[in-house]
Amino acid sequence: MKRAPFSGRRRERGFGLVELMVALVLGLLVVGAASVMFIGTRQTGRTTDSLSRMQDSMRVGFDLMIREVREAGGTPCDSQVAITDVLSNAQGGAPTWWAVWSDPVRGYGGTDAFAGATIGGAVGERVSGTDAILVRYAPALDELMVNSHDTAAARFTLNVNAHGLLAGDLVMVCNYAQGAIAQVSSANPADGTFMHDIGGAAPGNCSKGLGRAEPALCTATGTTFQFSAGSRVGRFNAVGWYIGNNGRAASGGRSLYRVTRSGAEEVADGVRAMQLSYLLSTGTAYVAAAAVPAANWGTVIAVRVDLTYESSDSNVATNASTPRLTRPVSFTANLRNLQP
């Protein structure tokens, strides 16, 4: 049996043009699929990271703001007790916003002026068109109580020596007859005393008398009132919340801010907008600040807060017109100290 002669030319035959083109197309398909998977995974990672940071910001903003709004109107004694305010800058026709004990909660619409934060474009200033809120409260300082009150010396002696109060602190002392707001002029943790004398660092007290008077009698002795043993002591707070410019345009440029007498501080990054509505004890629906009569802020029993958060990273959303992720968050705070 004869074998077919061996052809060296057939052994050296390579891929044809068609085979080469098919191989190139298959290779391009594989590379394209891998690229799509890589880009998709990278985009998913960026989106997940942005959502995680947004959730952290939501949690911080929610926890701090809701806690203070719920405390509105709270005192160490009773929210309905009559309060005398002897702080020097709480007097007259134009008192400082954080020195006055008046409405426990006060809302401001998008263009309403709030003394704690000017509307403008500078860092820390309030963003026009966003709401703001002011709350006042005076939580009790642990178990601090008055042992004795020397009205002539303007000195309180407490039941605890290391009471933690410092000169310059704003306090509320109260019993179930009346209360008073004053500044600590000096404090001594060695013997458990603090003074509420006139003078001292600003704002200071206009009188050492803590008796009930409207307006406060701003003389050296004022209206004398002696707080009995067992009276409670709290720290007076006036706090505003608003949306402000943070100066970081690349990451959205807006944050949730908190302002006190010490100034404004950024609390949560990426909060784009805030709308507030209020429920009055005589109402059945939440209304905007403009619908609350000036004389009725003391009847607010709940606040609804609507916040809009956005991601600091751009190009993580599928909508080209709004490349940042946005999430609305709403919560309702019942003012537990003002319930009927």
Protein backbone atom coordinates (compact mmCIF):
# COMPACT_ATOMS: atom_id res chain seq x y z
CA MET A 1 0.00 0.00 0.00
CA LYS A 2 1.47 3.26 -1.07
CA ARG A 3 1.43 6.30 1.20
CA ALA A 4 0.47 9.69 -0.17
CA PRO A 5 3.51 11.78 -0.73
CA PHE A 6 4.12 14.28 2.12
CA SER A 7 3.58 17.89 1.11
CA GLY A 8 5.71 20.39 2.97
CA ARG A 9 3.63 23.25 1.56
CA ARG A 10 0.44 21.92 3.28
CA ARG A 11 2.33 21.61 6.63
CA GLU A 12 3.30 25.30 6.50
CA ARG A 13 -0.25 26.54 5.83
CA GLY A 14 -1.39 29.35 8.36
CA PHE A 15 -4.67 31.12 9.28
CA GLY A 16 -6.66 32.57 6.51
CA LEU A 17 -7.93 36.16 6.42
CA VAL A 18 -11.43 35.13 7.42
CA GLU A 19 -10.17 33.12 10.39
CA LEU A 20 -8.01 36.04 11.52
CA MET A 21 -10.92 38.47 11.36
CA VAL A 22 -13.15 36.11 13.33
CA ALA A 23 -10.46 35.79 16.01
CA LEU A 24 -10.09 39.57 16.20
CA VAL A 25 -13.83 40.06 16.55
CA LEU A 26 -14.04 37.45 19.31
CA GLY A 27 -11.10 39.08 21.09
CA LEU A 28 -12.71 42.50 20.86
CA LEU A 29 -15.94 41.08 22.27
CA VAL A 30 -14.09 39.58 25.22
CA VAL A 31 -12.15 42.81 25.87
CA GLY A 32 -15.34 44.88 25.52
CA ALA A 33 -17.24 42.66 27.95
CA ALA A 34 -14.40 42.85 30.45
CA SER A 35 -14.26 46.64 30.09
CA VAL A 36 -18.01 46.96 30.63
CA MET A 37 -17.79 44.77 33.73
CA PHE A 38 -14.85 46.80 35.06
CA ILE A 39 -16.57 50.14 34.47
CA GLY A 40 -19.83 48.85 35.93
CA THR A 41 -18.08 47.49 39.02
CA ARG A 42 -16.20 50.74 39.47
CA GLN A 43 -19.42 52.79 39.11
CA THR A 44 -21.23 50.50 41.54
CA GLY A 45 -18.38 50.93 44.02
CA ARG A 46 -18.52 54.72 43.71
CA THR A 47 -22.29 54.70 44.12
CA THR A 48 -22.12 52.41 47.16
CA ASP A 49 -19.42 54.57 48.73
CA SER A 50 -21.46 57.73 48.09
CA LEU A 51 -24.57 56.15 49.61
CA SER A 52 -22.59 55.06 52.66
CA ARG A 53 -21.28 58.57 53.23
CA MET A 54 -24.74 60.03 52.71
CA GLN A 55 -26.16 57.63 55.31
CA ASP A 56 -23.48 58.67 57.80
CA SER A 57 -24.34 62.31 57.20
CA MET A 58 -28.06 61.55 57.55
CA ARG A 59 -27.51 59.76 60.86
CA VAL A 60 -25.42 62.57 62.36
CA GLY A 61 -27.78 65.31 61.23
CA PHE A 62 -30.89 63.41 62.32
CA ASP A 63 -29.58 62.40 65.76
CA LEU A 64 -28.42 65.87 66.79
CA MET A 65 -31.21 67.94 65.32
CA ILE A 66 -34.12 65.73 66.40
CA ARG A 67 -32.77 65.58 69.94
CA GLU A 68 -32.68 69.35 70.32
CA VAL A 69 -36.02 69.99 68.61
CA ARG A 70 -37.70 67.49 70.95
CA GLU A 71 -36.23 69.34 73.96
CA ALA A 72 -37.78 72.69 72.97
CA GLY A 73 -39.30 74.46 75.95
CA GLY A 74 -37.83 72.05 78.48
CA THR A 75 -36.73 73.31 81.90
CA PRO A 76 -35.43 71.56 85.03
CA CYS A 77 -38.87 72.14 86.55
CA ASP A 78 -42.03 72.80 84.52
CA SER A 79 -42.32 74.14 80.99
CA GLN A 80 -45.12 76.49 82.07
CA VAL A 81 -43.21 78.13 84.93
CA ALA A 82 -42.75 81.93 84.69
CA ILE A 83 -39.12 82.86 83.88
CA THR A 84 -37.18 86.02 84.70
CA ASP A 85 -34.21 86.76 82.42
CA VAL A 86 -31.55 89.11 83.86
CA LEU A 87 -28.93 88.71 81.10
CA SER A 88 -27.82 92.19 80.06
CA ASN A 89 -28.31 91.56 76.34
CA ALA A 90 -31.82 90.17 76.86
CA GLN A 91 -33.13 93.62 77.74
CA GLY A 92 -34.53 96.45 75.62
CA GLY A 93 -36.21 96.49 72.25
CA ALA A 94 -33.51 94.62 70.32
CA PRO A 95 -32.23 91.76 72.52
CA THR A 96 -29.65 89.28 71.27
CA TRP A 97 -31.40 86.26 69.76
CA TRP A 98 -29.73 83.65 71.98
CA ALA A 99 -30.23 85.55 75.25
CA VAL A 100 -34.03 85.60 75.32
CA TRP A 101 -36.38 83.04 76.84
CA SER A 102 -39.53 83.48 74.78
CA ASP A 103 -40.96 81.13 72.15
CA PRO A 104 -39.63 77.62 72.78
CA VAL A 105 -39.58 77.07 69.01
CA ARG A 106 -39.59 79.62 66.20
CA GLY A 107 -39.59 78.85 62.49
CA TYR A 108 -38.31 80.91 59.57
CA GLY A 109 -39.37 80.51 55.93
CA GLY A 110 -36.93 80.44 53.03
CA THR A 111 -36.52 84.22 52.86
CA ASP A 112 -37.36 85.16 56.47
CA ALA A 113 -34.47 86.80 58.29
CA PHE A 114 -33.00 84.86 61.21
CA ALA A 115 -30.50 86.80 63.33
CA GLY A 116 -28.40 83.71 63.97
CA ALA A 117 -27.47 83.26 60.28
CA THR A 118 -27.47 85.94 57.61
CA ILE A 119 -28.73 84.91 54.16
CA GLY A 120 -25.82 85.15 51.72
CA GLY A 121 -23.12 83.36 49.77
CA ALA A 122 -20.23 83.42 52.23
CA VAL A 123 -19.08 80.34 54.12
CA GLY A 124 -21.38 79.71 57.07
CA GLU A 125 -24.11 82.00 55.78
CA ARG A 126 -27.61 80.68 55.20
CA VAL A 127 -28.70 79.54 51.73
CA SER A 128 -31.61 81.58 50.42
CA GLY A 129 -34.80 79.59 49.93
CA THR A 130 -34.10 77.11 52.74
CA ASP A 131 -35.96 77.14 56.06
CA ALA A 132 -34.43 77.61 59.51
CA ILE A 133 -35.54 76.89 63.07
CA LEU A 134 -34.65 78.21 66.53
CA VAL A 135 -35.26 76.19 69.71
CA ARG A 136 -34.76 77.14 73.35
CA TYR A 137 -34.45 74.73 76.26
CA ALA A 138 -32.73 74.31 79.61
CA PRO A 139 -32.11 70.66 80.57
CA ALA A 140 -31.38 69.84 84.19
CA LEU A 141 -27.73 69.39 85.14
CA ASP A 142 -27.70 65.82 86.44
CA GLU A 143 -28.94 65.86 90.01
CA LEU A 144 -27.83 69.39 90.93
CA MET A 145 -30.08 71.10 93.46
CA VAL A 146 -29.88 74.24 95.53
CA ASN A 147 -28.97 73.81 99.18
CA SER A 148 -29.14 77.52 99.98
CA HIS A 149 -29.41 80.88 98.22
CA ASP A 150 -27.80 84.02 99.68
CA THR A 151 -29.58 86.83 97.82
CA ALA A 152 -27.45 89.63 99.32
CA ALA A 153 -24.23 87.96 98.17
CA ALA A 154 -25.81 86.64 94.92
CA ARG A 155 -24.52 83.17 95.77
CA PHE A 156 -25.97 79.69 95.33
CA THR A 157 -24.69 76.74 97.32
CA LEU A 158 -25.43 73.41 95.64
CA ASN A 159 -25.72 69.86 96.92
CA VAL A 160 -22.60 68.81 94.96
CA ASN A 161 -19.21 70.47 95.27
CA ALA A 162 -17.85 69.52 91.82
CA HIS A 163 -20.89 70.91 90.00
CA GLY A 164 -19.11 71.51 86.68
CA LEU A 165 -20.26 75.10 86.23
CA LEU A 166 -17.80 77.72 85.00
CA ALA A 167 -17.74 81.50 84.97
CA GLY A 168 -19.62 82.67 81.89
CA ASP A 169 -22.06 79.75 81.72
CA LEU A 170 -25.74 80.56 81.27
CA VAL A 171 -27.99 78.80 83.77
CA MET A 172 -31.64 78.49 84.67
CA VAL A 173 -32.55 78.07 88.33
CA CYS A 174 -36.16 77.18 89.04
CA ASN A 175 -38.70 75.72 91.39
CA TYR A 176 -42.40 75.27 90.81
CA ALA A 177 -43.12 78.90 91.63
CA GLN A 178 -40.79 80.64 89.17
CA GLY A 179 -37.48 80.41 87.34
CA ALA A 180 -34.61 82.74 86.46
CA ILE A 181 -31.95 82.87 83.74
CA ALA A 182 -28.60 84.38 84.67
CA GLN A 183 -24.92 84.14 83.88
CA VAL A 184 -22.50 82.51 86.30
CA SER A 185 -20.19 85.36 87.35
CA SER A 186 -17.83 83.02 89.23
CA ALA A 187 -17.84 79.41 90.40
CA ASN A 188 -16.04 77.46 93.11
CA PRO A 189 -16.08 73.65 92.79
CA ALA A 190 -14.28 73.35 96.13
CA ASP A 191 -17.32 74.40 98.17
CA GLY A 192 -20.12 73.83 95.64
CA THR A 193 -21.00 77.49 95.09
CA PHE A 194 -21.53 79.81 92.14
CA MET A 195 -22.29 83.52 91.93
CA HIS A 196 -24.81 85.44 89.81
CA ASP A 197 -23.55 88.96 90.53
CA ILE A 198 -23.66 91.92 88.14
CA GLY A 199 -20.73 92.75 85.89
CA GLY A 200 -18.18 90.20 84.78
CA ALA A 201 -17.56 88.96 81.25
CA ALA A 202 -20.10 89.75 78.53
CA PRO A 203 -23.00 89.48 78.42
CA GLY A 204 -23.15 89.71 82.22
CA ASN A 205 -26.18 90.18 84.44
CA CYS A 206 -28.05 93.48 84.60
CA SER A 207 -29.07 92.72 88.19
CA LYS A 208 -28.36 90.21 90.94
CA GLY A 209 -32.04 90.14 91.87
CA LEU A 210 -33.77 87.11 90.36
CA GLY A 211 -37.35 88.02 91.32
CA ARG A 212 -40.20 88.01 88.83
CA ALA A 213 -40.56 91.27 86.89
CA GLU A 214 -41.59 92.10 83.30
CA PRO A 215 -39.29 93.49 82.10
CA ALA A 216 -36.48 92.64 84.49
CA LEU A 217 -35.64 95.42 86.93
CA CYS A 218 -32.06 96.19 85.91
CA THR A 219 -30.62 97.79 89.02
CA ALA A 220 -27.87 96.49 91.28
CA THR A 221 -30.31 94.67 93.57
CA GLY A 222 -33.27 94.42 91.19
CA THR A 223 -36.22 92.37 92.37
CA THR A 224 -35.15 90.08 95.20
CA PHE A 225 -36.28 86.47 95.23
CA GLN A 226 -34.78 83.66 97.30
CA PHE A 227 -34.84 80.20 95.73
CA SER A 228 -35.65 77.58 98.29
CA ALA A 229 -33.65 74.45 99.04
CA GLY A 230 -34.40 71.79 96.47
CA SER A 231 -34.66 74.21 93.54
CA ARG A 232 -33.19 72.76 90.33
CA VAL A 233 -30.39 74.00 88.10
CA GLY A 234 -30.13 73.66 84.32
CA ARG A 235 -28.03 74.98 81.46
CA PHE A 236 -29.80 77.49 79.22
CA ASN A 237 -29.51 76.83 75.47
CA ALA A 238 -30.73 78.71 72.40
CA VAL A 239 -29.88 76.85 69.20
CA GLY A 240 -30.56 77.55 65.53
CA TRP A 241 -30.48 75.01 62.65
CA TYR A 242 -30.17 76.00 59.00
CA ILE A 243 -28.65 75.10 55.60
CA GLY A 244 -25.43 77.02 55.01
CA ASN A 245 -22.66 77.40 52.44
CA ASN A 246 -19.63 75.28 53.32
CA GLY A 247 -17.27 76.71 50.69
CA ARG A 248 -16.66 73.35 48.99
CA ALA A 249 -18.38 73.81 45.63
CA ALA A 250 -16.77 70.69 44.18
CA SER A 251 -18.62 68.50 46.69
CA GLY A 252 -21.98 70.30 46.51
CA GLY A 253 -21.28 73.38 48.60
CA ARG A 254 -24.02 73.00 51.24
CA SER A 255 -24.22 71.57 54.75
CA LEU A 256 -26.51 71.44 57.77
CA TYR A 257 -25.35 74.02 60.32
CA ARG A 258 -25.98 74.55 64.03
CA VAL A 259 -25.55 78.01 65.55
CA THR A 260 -25.33 79.02 69.22
CA ARG A 261 -23.95 82.03 71.08
CA SER A 262 -20.50 80.57 70.42
CA GLY A 263 -21.00 80.82 66.64
CA ALA A 264 -21.95 78.50 63.79
CA GLU A 265 -20.61 74.99 63.27
CA GLU A 266 -21.00 72.58 60.36
CA VAL A 267 -22.80 69.42 61.45
CA ALA A 268 -23.53 67.34 58.35
CA ASP A 269 -22.10 67.66 54.85
CA GLY A 270 -24.22 67.27 51.73
CA VAL A 271 -27.56 68.55 53.03
CA ARG A 272 -29.00 70.38 50.04
CA ALA A 273 -32.28 71.74 51.36
CA MET A 274 -34.53 71.84 54.44
CA GLN A 275 -38.25 72.51 54.63
CA LEU A 276 -40.04 72.74 57.97
CA SER A 277 -43.71 72.57 58.89
CA TYR A 278 -45.44 72.90 62.25
CA LEU A 279 -48.42 71.40 64.05
CA LEU A 280 -50.24 73.67 66.49
CA SER A 281 -52.18 72.37 69.47
CA THR A 282 -55.30 73.90 67.90
CA GLY A 283 -54.64 72.54 64.41
CA THR A 284 -55.04 69.26 62.55
CA ALA A 285 -52.42 69.66 59.81
CA TYR A 286 -48.80 70.74 59.54
CA VAL A 287 -48.34 74.26 58.16
CA ALA A 288 -45.41 76.35 56.96
CA ALA A 289 -43.85 79.02 59.17
CA ALA A 290 -45.68 81.78 57.26
CA ALA A 291 -49.02 80.29 58.37
CA VAL A 292 -48.17 80.41 62.10
CA PRO A 293 -49.30 83.69 63.72
CA ALA A 294 -46.51 85.44 65.65
CA ALA A 295 -48.44 85.04 68.91
CA ASN A 296 -48.99 81.28 68.40
CA TRP A 297 -45.45 79.88 68.33
CA GLY A 298 -45.88 78.85 71.95
CA THR A 299 -48.65 76.45 70.86
CA VAL A 300 -46.49 74.38 68.48
CA ILE A 301 -46.48 70.75 69.61
CA ALA A 302 -44.68 69.03 66.73
CA VAL A 303 -42.28 69.84 63.89
CA ARG A 304 -41.94 68.02 60.56
CA VAL A 305 -38.48 68.22 58.99
CA ASP A 306 -37.87 67.43 55.30
CA LEU A 307 -34.19 67.26 54.35
CA THR A 308 -32.67 66.65 50.92
CA TYR A 309 -29.25 64.99 50.96
CA GLU A 310 -26.87 64.79 48.00
CA SER A 311 -23.64 62.89 47.39
CA SER A 312 -20.32 64.72 47.51
CA ASP A 313 -19.19 62.85 44.37
CA SER A 314 -20.56 63.92 41.01
CA ASN A 315 -21.24 61.64 38.04
CA VAL A 316 -22.53 58.82 40.24
CA ALA A 317 -26.16 59.16 39.18
CA THR A 318 -27.56 58.06 35.83
CA ASN A 319 -29.34 61.37 35.20
CA ALA A 320 -26.91 63.68 33.42
CA SER A 321 -28.82 66.80 34.49
CA THR A 322 -28.40 65.89 38.19
CA PRO A 323 -25.17 63.89 38.34
CA ARG A 324 -25.16 63.69 42.15
CA LEU A 325 -27.19 61.14 44.09
CA THR A 326 -30.04 62.77 46.04
CA ARG A 327 -32.16 61.27 48.81
CA PRO A 328 -35.10 62.88 50.64
CA VAL A 329 -35.35 62.22 54.38
CA SER A 330 -38.34 63.20 56.54
CA PHE A 331 -38.98 62.92 60.24
CA THR A 332 -41.38 64.31 62.80
CA ALA A 333 -40.39 65.56 66.25
CA ASN A 334 -43.00 65.74 68.97
CA LEU A 335 -42.17 68.52 71.44
CA ARG A 336 -42.55 66.43 74.56
CA ASN A 337 -42.29 69.41 76.91
CA LEU A 338 -45.14 71.25 75.17
CA GLN A 339 -47.76 68.54 74.80
CA PRO A 340 -51.22 69.62 76.05
